[in-house]
Amino acid sequence: FQDAMARSRQEVDGKMSALIDIVAHLSETVERFL
């Protein structure tokens, strides 16, 4: 169970990092547009 939780946490961390990158890119795009 602990191993599965650690893997899940790594997956969530990876997805969160990708989401942060997407939001940053979107923010830059909106800023350029405005």
PDB file of all heavy atoms in Angstrom:
ATOM      1  N   PHE A   1       0.830  -1.206   0.000  1.00  0.00           N
ATOM      2  CA  PHE A   1       0.000   0.000   0.000  1.00  0.00           C
ATOM      3  C   PHE A   1       0.866   1.257   0.000  1.00  0.00           C
ATOM      4  O   PHE A   1       0.606   2.207  -0.741  1.00  0.00           O
ATOM      5  CB  PHE A   1      -0.935  -0.006   1.217  1.00  0.00           C
ATOM      6  CG  PHE A   1      -1.809   1.187   1.322  1.00  0.00           C
ATOM      7  CD1 PHE A   1      -2.902   1.343   0.479  1.00  0.00           C
ATOM      8  CD2 PHE A   1      -1.550   2.182   2.257  1.00  0.00           C
ATOM      9  CE1 PHE A   1      -3.718   2.462   0.564  1.00  0.00           C
ATOM     10  CE2 PHE A   1      -2.362   3.294   2.356  1.00  0.00           C
ATOM     11  CZ  PHE A   1      -3.445   3.435   1.507  1.00  0.00           C
ATOM     12  N   GLN A   2       1.911   1.256   0.812  1.00  0.00           N
ATOM     13  CA  GLN A   2       2.815   2.411   0.853  1.00  0.00           C
ATOM     14  C   GLN A   2       3.498   2.618  -0.497  1.00  0.00           C
ATOM     15  O   GLN A   2       3.655   3.756  -0.945  1.00  0.00           O
ATOM     16  CB  GLN A   2       3.864   2.227   1.958  1.00  0.00           C
ATOM     17  CG  GLN A   2       3.300   2.390   3.351  1.00  0.00           C
ATOM     18  CD  GLN A   2       4.328   2.085   4.432  1.00  0.00           C
ATOM     19  OE1 GLN A   2       5.228   1.266   4.248  1.00  0.00           O
ATOM     20  NE2 GLN A   2       4.175   2.722   5.579  1.00  0.00           N
ATOM     21  N   ASP A   3       3.915   1.529  -1.133  1.00  0.00           N
ATOM     22  CA  ASP A   3       4.535   1.636  -2.456  1.00  0.00           C
ATOM     23  C   ASP A   3       3.553   2.214  -3.472  1.00  0.00           C
ATOM     24  O   ASP A   3       3.916   3.077  -4.278  1.00  0.00           O
ATOM     25  CB  ASP A   3       5.034   0.273  -2.942  1.00  0.00           C
ATOM     26  CG  ASP A   3       6.232  -0.242  -2.153  1.00  0.00           C
ATOM     27  OD1 ASP A   3       6.873   0.570  -1.451  1.00  0.00           O
ATOM     28  OD2 ASP A   3       6.516  -1.449  -2.244  1.00  0.00           O
ATOM     29  N   ALA A   4       2.321   1.731  -3.419  1.00  0.00           N
ATOM     30  CA  ALA A   4       1.298   2.247  -4.341  1.00  0.00           C
ATOM     31  C   ALA A   4       1.036   3.723  -4.083  1.00  0.00           C
ATOM     32  O   ALA A   4       0.875   4.513  -5.030  1.00  0.00           O
ATOM     33  CB  ALA A   4       0.008   1.442  -4.200  1.00  0.00           C
ATOM     34  N   MET A   5       0.991   4.114  -2.830  1.00  0.00           N
ATOM     35  CA  MET A   5       0.778   5.525  -2.494  1.00  0.00           C
ATOM     36  C   MET A   5       1.939   6.380  -2.995  1.00  0.00           C
ATOM     37  O   MET A   5       1.730   7.489  -3.499  1.00  0.00           O
ATOM     38  CB  MET A   5       0.607   5.700  -0.978  1.00  0.00           C
ATOM     39  CG  MET A   5      -0.684   5.141  -0.432  1.00  0.00           C
ATOM     40  SD  MET A   5      -2.136   5.989  -1.062  1.00  0.00           S
ATOM     41  CE  MET A   5      -1.931   7.578  -0.309  1.00  0.00           C
ATOM     42  N   ALA A   6       3.150   5.883  -2.866  1.00  0.00           N
ATOM     43  CA  ALA A   6       4.321   6.632  -3.331  1.00  0.00           C
ATOM     44  C   ALA A   6       4.269   6.795  -4.853  1.00  0.00           C
ATOM     45  O   ALA A   6       4.562   7.880  -5.370  1.00  0.00           O
ATOM     46  CB  ALA A   6       5.608   5.917  -2.910  1.00  0.00           C
ATOM     47  N   ARG A   7       3.895   5.716  -5.567  1.00  0.00           N
ATOM     48  CA  ARG A   7       3.777   5.824  -7.024  1.00  0.00           C
ATOM     49  C   ARG A   7       2.677   6.815  -7.406  1.00  0.00           C
ATOM     50  O   ARG A   7       2.851   7.624  -8.321  1.00  0.00           O
ATOM     51  CB  ARG A   7       3.497   4.447  -7.636  1.00  0.00           C
ATOM     52  CG  ARG A   7       4.712   3.554  -7.704  1.00  0.00           C
ATOM     53  CD  ARG A   7       4.453   2.317  -8.544  1.00  0.00           C
ATOM     54  NE  ARG A   7       3.328   1.519  -8.090  1.00  0.00           N
ATOM     55  CZ  ARG A   7       3.379   0.595  -7.150  1.00  0.00           C
ATOM     56  NH1 ARG A   7       4.523   0.357  -6.542  1.00  0.00           N
ATOM     57  NH2 ARG A   7       2.308  -0.094  -6.811  1.00  0.00           N
ATOM     58  N   SER A   8       1.555   6.751  -6.702  1.00  0.00           N
ATOM     59  CA  SER A   8       0.462   7.685  -6.979  1.00  0.00           C
ATOM     60  C   SER A   8       0.903   9.114  -6.727  1.00  0.00           C
ATOM     61  O   SER A   8       0.575  10.021  -7.501  1.00  0.00           O
ATOM     62  CB  SER A   8      -0.753   7.362  -6.106  1.00  0.00           C
ATOM     63  OG  SER A   8      -1.306   6.124  -6.448  1.00  0.00           O
ATOM     64  N   ARG A   9       1.647   9.310  -5.663  1.00  0.00           N
ATOM     65  CA  ARG A   9       2.131  10.654  -5.333  1.00  0.00           C
ATOM     66  C   ARG A   9       3.058  11.160  -6.437  1.00  0.00           C
ATOM     67  O   ARG A   9       2.987  12.334  -6.826  1.00  0.00           O
ATOM     68  CB  ARG A   9       2.851  10.634  -3.984  1.00  0.00           C
ATOM     69  CG  ARG A   9       3.403  11.960  -3.541  1.00  0.00           C
ATOM     70  CD  ARG A   9       2.298  12.957  -3.357  1.00  0.00           C
ATOM     71  NE  ARG A   9       2.859  14.277  -3.193  1.00  0.00           N
ATOM     72  CZ  ARG A   9       2.184  15.309  -2.815  1.00  0.00           C
ATOM     73  NH1 ARG A   9       0.913  15.197  -2.537  1.00  0.00           N
ATOM     74  NH2 ARG A   9       2.753  16.472  -2.699  1.00  0.00           N
ATOM     75  N   GLN A  10       3.919  10.293  -6.956  1.00  0.00           N
ATOM     76  CA  GLN A  10       4.816  10.684  -8.043  1.00  0.00           C
ATOM     77  C   GLN A  10       4.012  11.052  -9.289  1.00  0.00           C
ATOM     78  O   GLN A  10       4.332  12.033  -9.981  1.00  0.00           O
ATOM     79  CB  GLN A  10       5.791   9.564  -8.353  1.00  0.00           C
ATOM     80  CG  GLN A  10       6.841   9.356  -7.283  1.00  0.00           C
ATOM     81  CD  GLN A  10       7.691   8.132  -7.526  1.00  0.00           C
ATOM     82  OE1 GLN A  10       7.375   7.284  -8.359  1.00  0.00           O
ATOM     83  NE2 GLN A  10       8.797   8.021  -6.787  1.00  0.00           N
ATOM     84  N   GLU A  11       2.971  10.275  -9.567  1.00  0.00           N
ATOM     85  CA  GLU A  11       2.129  10.584 -10.722  1.00  0.00           C
ATOM     86  C   GLU A  11       1.439  11.928 -10.539  1.00  0.00           C
ATOM     87  O   GLU A  11       1.383  12.737 -11.474  1.00  0.00           O
ATOM     88  CB  GLU A  11       1.084   9.490 -10.918  1.00  0.00           C
ATOM     89  CG  GLU A  11       1.642   8.190 -11.423  1.00  0.00           C
ATOM     90  CD  GLU A  11       0.580   7.105 -11.512  1.00  0.00           C
ATOM     91  OE1 GLU A  11      -0.626   7.437 -11.600  1.00  0.00           O
ATOM     92  OE2 GLU A  11       0.960   5.923 -11.495  1.00  0.00           O
ATOM     93  N   VAL A  12       0.911  12.170  -9.345  1.00  0.00           N
ATOM     94  CA  VAL A  12       0.237  13.446  -9.072  1.00  0.00           C
ATOM     95  C   VAL A  12       1.231  14.595  -9.188  1.00  0.00           C
ATOM     96  O   VAL A  12       0.916  15.639  -9.768  1.00  0.00           O
ATOM     97  CB  VAL A  12      -0.427  13.423  -7.676  1.00  0.00           C
ATOM     98  CG1 VAL A  12      -0.857  14.815  -7.238  1.00  0.00           C
ATOM     99  CG2 VAL A  12      -1.616  12.472  -7.667  1.00  0.00           C
ATOM    100  N   ASP A  13       2.430  14.413  -8.644  1.00  0.00           N
ATOM    101  CA  ASP A  13       3.448  15.462  -8.732  1.00  0.00           C
ATOM    102  C   ASP A  13       3.789  15.767 -10.197  1.00  0.00           C
ATOM    103  O   ASP A  13       3.932  16.930 -10.577  1.00  0.00           O
ATOM    104  CB  ASP A  13       4.715  15.052  -7.973  1.00  0.00           C
ATOM    105  CG  ASP A  13       4.536  15.095  -6.461  1.00  0.00           C
ATOM    106  OD1 ASP A  13       3.525  15.662  -5.987  1.00  0.00           O
ATOM    107  OD2 ASP A  13       5.415  14.548  -5.758  1.00  0.00           O
ATOM    108  N   GLY A  14       3.909  14.713 -11.013  1.00  0.00           N
ATOM    109  CA  GLY A  14       4.207  14.916 -12.431  1.00  0.00           C
ATOM    110  C   GLY A  14       3.084  15.653 -13.142  1.00  0.00           C
ATOM    111  O   GLY A  14       3.325  16.566 -13.935  1.00  0.00           O
ATOM    112  N   LYS A  15       1.847  15.256 -12.860  1.00  0.00           N
ATOM    113  CA  LYS A  15       0.699  15.919 -13.487  1.00  0.00           C
ATOM    114  C   LYS A  15       0.567  17.360 -13.003  1.00  0.00           C
ATOM    115  O   LYS A  15       0.221  18.249 -13.782  1.00  0.00           O
ATOM    116  CB  LYS A  15      -0.578  15.130 -13.204  1.00  0.00           C
ATOM    117  CG  LYS A  15      -0.611  13.819 -13.950  1.00  0.00           C
ATOM    118  CD  LYS A  15      -1.836  13.001 -13.619  1.00  0.00           C
ATOM    119  CE  LYS A  15      -1.790  11.670 -14.376  1.00  0.00           C
ATOM    120  NZ  LYS A  15      -2.952  10.837 -14.072  1.00  0.00           N
ATOM    121  N   MET A  16       0.848  17.591 -11.732  1.00  0.00           N
ATOM    122  CA  MET A  16       0.777  18.950 -11.194  1.00  0.00           C
ATOM    123  C   MET A  16       1.836  19.827 -11.849  1.00  0.00           C
ATOM    124  O   MET A  16       1.562  20.979 -12.203  1.00  0.00           O
ATOM    125  CB  MET A  16       0.979  18.930  -9.677  1.00  0.00           C
ATOM    126  CG  MET A  16       0.795  20.280  -9.028  1.00  0.00           C
ATOM    127  SD  MET A  16      -0.878  20.915  -9.201  1.00  0.00           S
ATOM    128  CE  MET A  16      -1.626  20.156  -7.816  1.00  0.00           C
ATOM    129  N   SER A  17       3.019  19.289 -12.038  1.00  0.00           N
ATOM    130  CA  SER A  17       4.089  20.044 -12.700  1.00  0.00           C
ATOM    131  C   SER A  17       3.685  20.399 -14.136  1.00  0.00           C
ATOM    132  O   SER A  17       3.885  21.536 -14.577  1.00  0.00           O
ATOM    133  CB  SER A  17       5.372  19.223 -12.692  1.00  0.00           C
ATOM    134  OG  SER A  17       6.400  19.906 -13.343  1.00  0.00           O
ATOM    135  N   ALA A  18       3.104  19.423 -14.845  1.00  0.00           N
ATOM    136  CA  ALA A  18       2.653  19.679 -16.221  1.00  0.00           C
ATOM    137  C   ALA A  18       1.549  20.733 -16.231  1.00  0.00           C
ATOM    138  O   ALA A  18       1.534  21.620 -17.089  1.00  0.00           O
ATOM    139  CB  ALA A  18       2.161  18.390 -16.864  1.00  0.00           C
ATOM    140  N   LEU A  19       0.650  20.660 -15.272  1.00  0.00           N
ATOM    141  CA  LEU A  19      -0.436  21.639 -15.186  1.00  0.00           C
ATOM    142  C   LEU A  19       0.109  23.038 -14.892  1.00  0.00           C
ATOM    143  O   LEU A  19      -0.341  24.020 -15.497  1.00  0.00           O
ATOM    144  CB  LEU A  19      -1.436  21.222 -14.107  1.00  0.00           C
ATOM    145  CG  LEU A  19      -2.664  22.100 -13.933  1.00  0.00           C
ATOM    146  CD1 LEU A  19      -3.465  22.161 -15.224  1.00  0.00           C
ATOM    147  CD2 LEU A  19      -3.530  21.578 -12.795  1.00  0.00           C
ATOM    148  N   ILE A  20       1.078  23.130 -14.036  1.00  0.00           N
ATOM    149  CA  ILE A  20       1.695  24.429 -13.727  1.00  0.00           C
ATOM    150  C   ILE A  20       2.339  25.004 -14.982  1.00  0.00           C
ATOM    151  O   ILE A  20       2.212  26.205 -15.266  1.00  0.00           O
ATOM    152  CB  ILE A  20       2.703  24.281 -12.567  1.00  0.00           C
ATOM    153  CG1 ILE A  20       1.951  24.041 -11.260  1.00  0.00           C
ATOM    154  CG2 ILE A  20       3.607  25.506 -12.471  1.00  0.00           C
ATOM    155  CD1 ILE A  20       2.831  23.642 -10.099  1.00  0.00           C
ATOM    156  N   ASP A  21       3.021  24.158 -15.750  1.00  0.00           N
ATOM    157  CA  ASP A  21       3.634  24.611 -17.000  1.00  0.00           C
ATOM    158  C   ASP A  21       2.579  25.118 -17.981  1.00  0.00           C
ATOM    159  O   ASP A  21       2.764  26.154 -18.634  1.00  0.00           O
ATOM    160  CB  ASP A  21       4.448  23.492 -17.644  1.00  0.00           C
ATOM    161  CG  ASP A  21       5.688  23.123 -16.858  1.00  0.00           C
ATOM    162  OD1 ASP A  21       6.108  23.929 -15.991  1.00  0.00           O
ATOM    163  OD2 ASP A  21       6.242  22.030 -17.104  1.00  0.00           O
ATOM    164  N   ILE A  22       1.471  24.394 -18.086  1.00  0.00           N
ATOM    165  CA  ILE A  22       0.386  24.797 -18.993  1.00  0.00           C
ATOM    166  C   ILE A  22      -0.210  26.132 -18.558  1.00  0.00           C
ATOM    167  O   ILE A  22      -0.440  27.023 -19.388  1.00  0.00           O
ATOM    168  CB  ILE A  22      -0.699  23.698 -19.058  1.00  0.00           C
ATOM    169  CG1 ILE A  22      -0.147  22.483 -19.789  1.00  0.00           C
ATOM    170  CG2 ILE A  22      -1.964  24.203 -19.721  1.00  0.00           C
ATOM    171  CD1 ILE A  22      -1.030  21.241 -19.675  1.00  0.00           C
ATOM    172  N   VAL A  23      -0.442  26.286 -17.259  1.00  0.00           N
ATOM    173  CA  VAL A  23      -1.011  27.538 -16.749  1.00  0.00           C
ATOM    174  C   VAL A  23      -0.045  28.696 -16.984  1.00  0.00           C
ATOM    175  O   VAL A  23      -0.454  29.799 -17.375  1.00  0.00           O
ATOM    176  CB  VAL A  23      -1.381  27.405 -15.257  1.00  0.00           C
ATOM    177  CG1 VAL A  23      -1.712  28.744 -14.635  1.00  0.00           C
ATOM    178  CG2 VAL A  23      -2.548  26.435 -15.087  1.00  0.00           C
ATOM    179  N   ALA A  24       1.250  28.449 -16.786  1.00  0.00           N
ATOM    180  CA  ALA A  24       2.241  29.500 -17.024  1.00  0.00           C
ATOM    181  C   ALA A  24       2.246  29.898 -18.497  1.00  0.00           C
ATOM    182  O   ALA A  24       2.282  31.099 -18.825  1.00  0.00           O
ATOM    183  CB  ALA A  24       3.625  29.026 -16.600  1.00  0.00           C
ATOM    184  N   HIS A  25       2.195  28.913 -19.389  1.00  0.00           N
ATOM    185  CA  HIS A  25       2.158  29.204 -20.827  1.00  0.00           C
ATOM    186  C   HIS A  25       0.888  29.968 -21.195  1.00  0.00           C
ATOM    187  O   HIS A  25       0.931  30.949 -21.953  1.00  0.00           O
ATOM    188  CB  HIS A  25       2.257  27.903 -21.628  1.00  0.00           C
ATOM    189  CG  HIS A  25       2.216  28.110 -23.098  1.00  0.00           C
ATOM    190  ND1 HIS A  25       3.251  28.699 -23.790  1.00  0.00           N
ATOM    191  CD2 HIS A  25       1.268  27.814 -24.015  1.00  0.00           C
ATOM    192  CE1 HIS A  25       2.931  28.757 -25.069  1.00  0.00           C
ATOM    193  NE2 HIS A  25       1.722  28.226 -25.234  1.00  0.00           N
ATOM    194  N   LEU A  26      -0.227  29.536 -20.641  1.00  0.00           N
ATOM    195  CA  LEU A  26      -1.503  30.214 -20.899  1.00  0.00           C
ATOM    196  C   LEU A  26      -1.466  31.647 -20.382  1.00  0.00           C
ATOM    197  O   LEU A  26      -1.918  32.582 -21.046  1.00  0.00           O
ATOM    198  CB  LEU A  26      -2.652  29.439 -20.248  1.00  0.00           C
ATOM    199  CG  LEU A  26      -4.052  30.003 -20.445  1.00  0.00           C
ATOM    200  CD1 LEU A  26      -4.400  30.064 -21.928  1.00  0.00           C
ATOM    201  CD2 LEU A  26      -5.065  29.148 -19.696  1.00  0.00           C
ATOM    202  N   SER A  27      -0.885  31.835 -19.225  1.00  0.00           N
ATOM    203  CA  SER A  27      -0.773  33.172 -18.646  1.00  0.00           C
ATOM    204  C   SER A  27       0.069  34.079 -19.546  1.00  0.00           C
ATOM    205  O   SER A  27      -0.285  35.244 -19.784  1.00  0.00           O
ATOM    206  CB  SER A  27      -0.154  33.080 -17.250  1.00  0.00           C
ATOM    207  OG  SER A  27       0.035  34.357 -16.705  1.00  0.00           O
ATOM    208  N   GLU A  28       1.169  33.556 -20.052  1.00  0.00           N
ATOM    209  CA  GLU A  28       2.015  34.342 -20.962  1.00  0.00           C
ATOM    210  C   GLU A  28       1.261  34.687 -22.239  1.00  0.00           C
ATOM    211  O   GLU A  28       1.360  35.816 -22.743  1.00  0.00           O
ATOM    212  CB  GLU A  28       3.278  33.559 -21.306  1.00  0.00           C
ATOM    213  CG  GLU A  28       4.244  33.401 -20.152  1.00  0.00           C
ATOM    214  CD  GLU A  28       5.382  32.431 -20.475  1.00  0.00           C
ATOM    215  OE1 GLU A  28       5.466  31.939 -21.635  1.00  0.00           O
ATOM    216  OE2 GLU A  28       6.167  32.146 -19.560  1.00  0.00           O
ATOM    217  N   THR A  29       0.498  33.717 -22.745  1.00  0.00           N
ATOM    218  CA  THR A  29      -0.277  33.946 -23.968  1.00  0.00           C
ATOM    219  C   THR A  29      -1.320  35.034 -23.743  1.00  0.00           C
ATOM    220  O   THR A  29      -1.473  35.949 -24.573  1.00  0.00           O
ATOM    221  CB  THR A  29      -0.952  32.637 -24.426  1.00  0.00           C
ATOM    222  OG1 THR A  29       0.058  31.646 -24.640  1.00  0.00           O
ATOM    223  CG2 THR A  29      -1.748  32.843 -25.697  1.00  0.00           C
ATOM    224  N   VAL A  30      -2.028  34.964 -22.643  1.00  0.00           N
ATOM    225  CA  VAL A  30      -3.051  35.968 -22.321  1.00  0.00           C
ATOM    226  C   VAL A  30      -2.391  37.325 -22.136  1.00  0.00           C
ATOM    227  O   VAL A  30      -2.896  38.351 -22.622  1.00  0.00           O
ATOM    228  CB  VAL A  30      -3.850  35.559 -21.069  1.00  0.00           C
ATOM    229  CG1 VAL A  30      -4.705  36.711 -20.555  1.00  0.00           C
ATOM    230  CG2 VAL A  30      -4.710  34.333 -21.359  1.00  0.00           C
ATOM    231  N   GLU A  31      -1.249  37.350 -21.471  1.00  0.00           N
ATOM    232  CA  GLU A  31      -0.539  38.611 -21.245  1.00  0.00           C
ATOM    233  C   GLU A  31      -0.105  39.242 -22.571  1.00  0.00           C
ATOM    234  O   GLU A  31      -0.280  40.449 -22.777  1.00  0.00           O
ATOM    235  CB  GLU A  31       0.683  38.359 -20.358  1.00  0.00           C
ATOM    236  CG  GLU A  31       1.355  39.620 -19.874  1.00  0.00           C
ATOM    237  CD  GLU A  31       2.457  39.298 -18.882  1.00  0.00           C
ATOM    238  OE1 GLU A  31       2.216  38.494 -17.955  1.00  0.00           O
ATOM    239  OE2 GLU A  31       3.553  39.859 -19.056  1.00  0.00           O
ATOM    240  N   ARG A  32       0.409  38.432 -23.489  1.00  0.00           N
ATOM    241  CA  ARG A  32       0.792  38.951 -24.809  1.00  0.00           C
ATOM    242  C   ARG A  32      -0.426  39.464 -25.569  1.00  0.00           C
ATOM    243  O   ARG A  32      -0.382  40.509 -26.208  1.00  0.00           O
ATOM    244  CB  ARG A  32       1.498  37.864 -25.630  1.00  0.00           C
ATOM    245  CG  ARG A  32       2.940  37.651 -25.256  1.00  0.00           C
ATOM    246  CD  ARG A  32       3.699  36.835 -26.306  1.00  0.00           C
ATOM    247  NE  ARG A  32       2.979  35.651 -26.763  1.00  0.00           N
ATOM    248  CZ  ARG A  32       3.144  34.412 -26.280  1.00  0.00           C
ATOM    249  NH1 ARG A  32       4.009  34.203 -25.320  1.00  0.00           N
ATOM    250  NH2 ARG A  32       2.452  33.415 -26.767  1.00  0.00           N
ATOM    251  N   PHE A  33      -1.517  38.732 -25.483  1.00  0.00           N
ATOM    252  CA  PHE A  33      -2.744  39.146 -26.163  1.00  0.00           C
ATOM    253  C   PHE A  33      -3.245  40.486 -25.629  1.00  0.00           C
ATOM    254  O   PHE A  33      -3.571  41.402 -26.403  1.00  0.00           O
ATOM    255  CB  PHE A  33      -3.830  38.065 -25.996  1.00  0.00           C
ATOM    256  CG  PHE A  33      -5.168  38.477 -26.510  1.00  0.00           C
ATOM    257  CD1 PHE A  33      -5.422  38.519 -27.882  1.00  0.00           C
ATOM    258  CD2 PHE A  33      -6.188  38.847 -25.637  1.00  0.00           C
ATOM    259  CE1 PHE A  33      -6.664  38.914 -28.354  1.00  0.00           C
ATOM    260  CE2 PHE A  33      -7.418  39.239 -26.103  1.00  0.00           C
ATOM    261  CZ  PHE A  33      -7.663  39.272 -27.455  1.00  0.00           C
ATOM    262  N   LEU A  34      -3.289  40.594 -24.297  1.00  0.00           N
ATOM    263  CA  LEU A  34      -3.771  41.845 -23.702  1.00  0.00           C
ATOM    264  C   LEU A  34      -2.825  42.999 -24.017  1.00  0.00           C
ATOM    265  O   LEU A  34      -3.264  44.122 -24.268  1.00  0.00           O
ATOM    266  CB  LEU A  34      -3.946  41.685 -22.192  1.00  0.00           C
ATOM    267  CG  LEU A  34      -5.062  40.735 -21.749  1.00  0.00           C
ATOM    268  CD1 LEU A  34      -5.041  40.570 -20.230  1.00  0.00           C
ATOM    269  CD2 LEU A  34      -6.415  41.231 -22.223  1.00  0.00           C
TER     270      LEU A  34
END
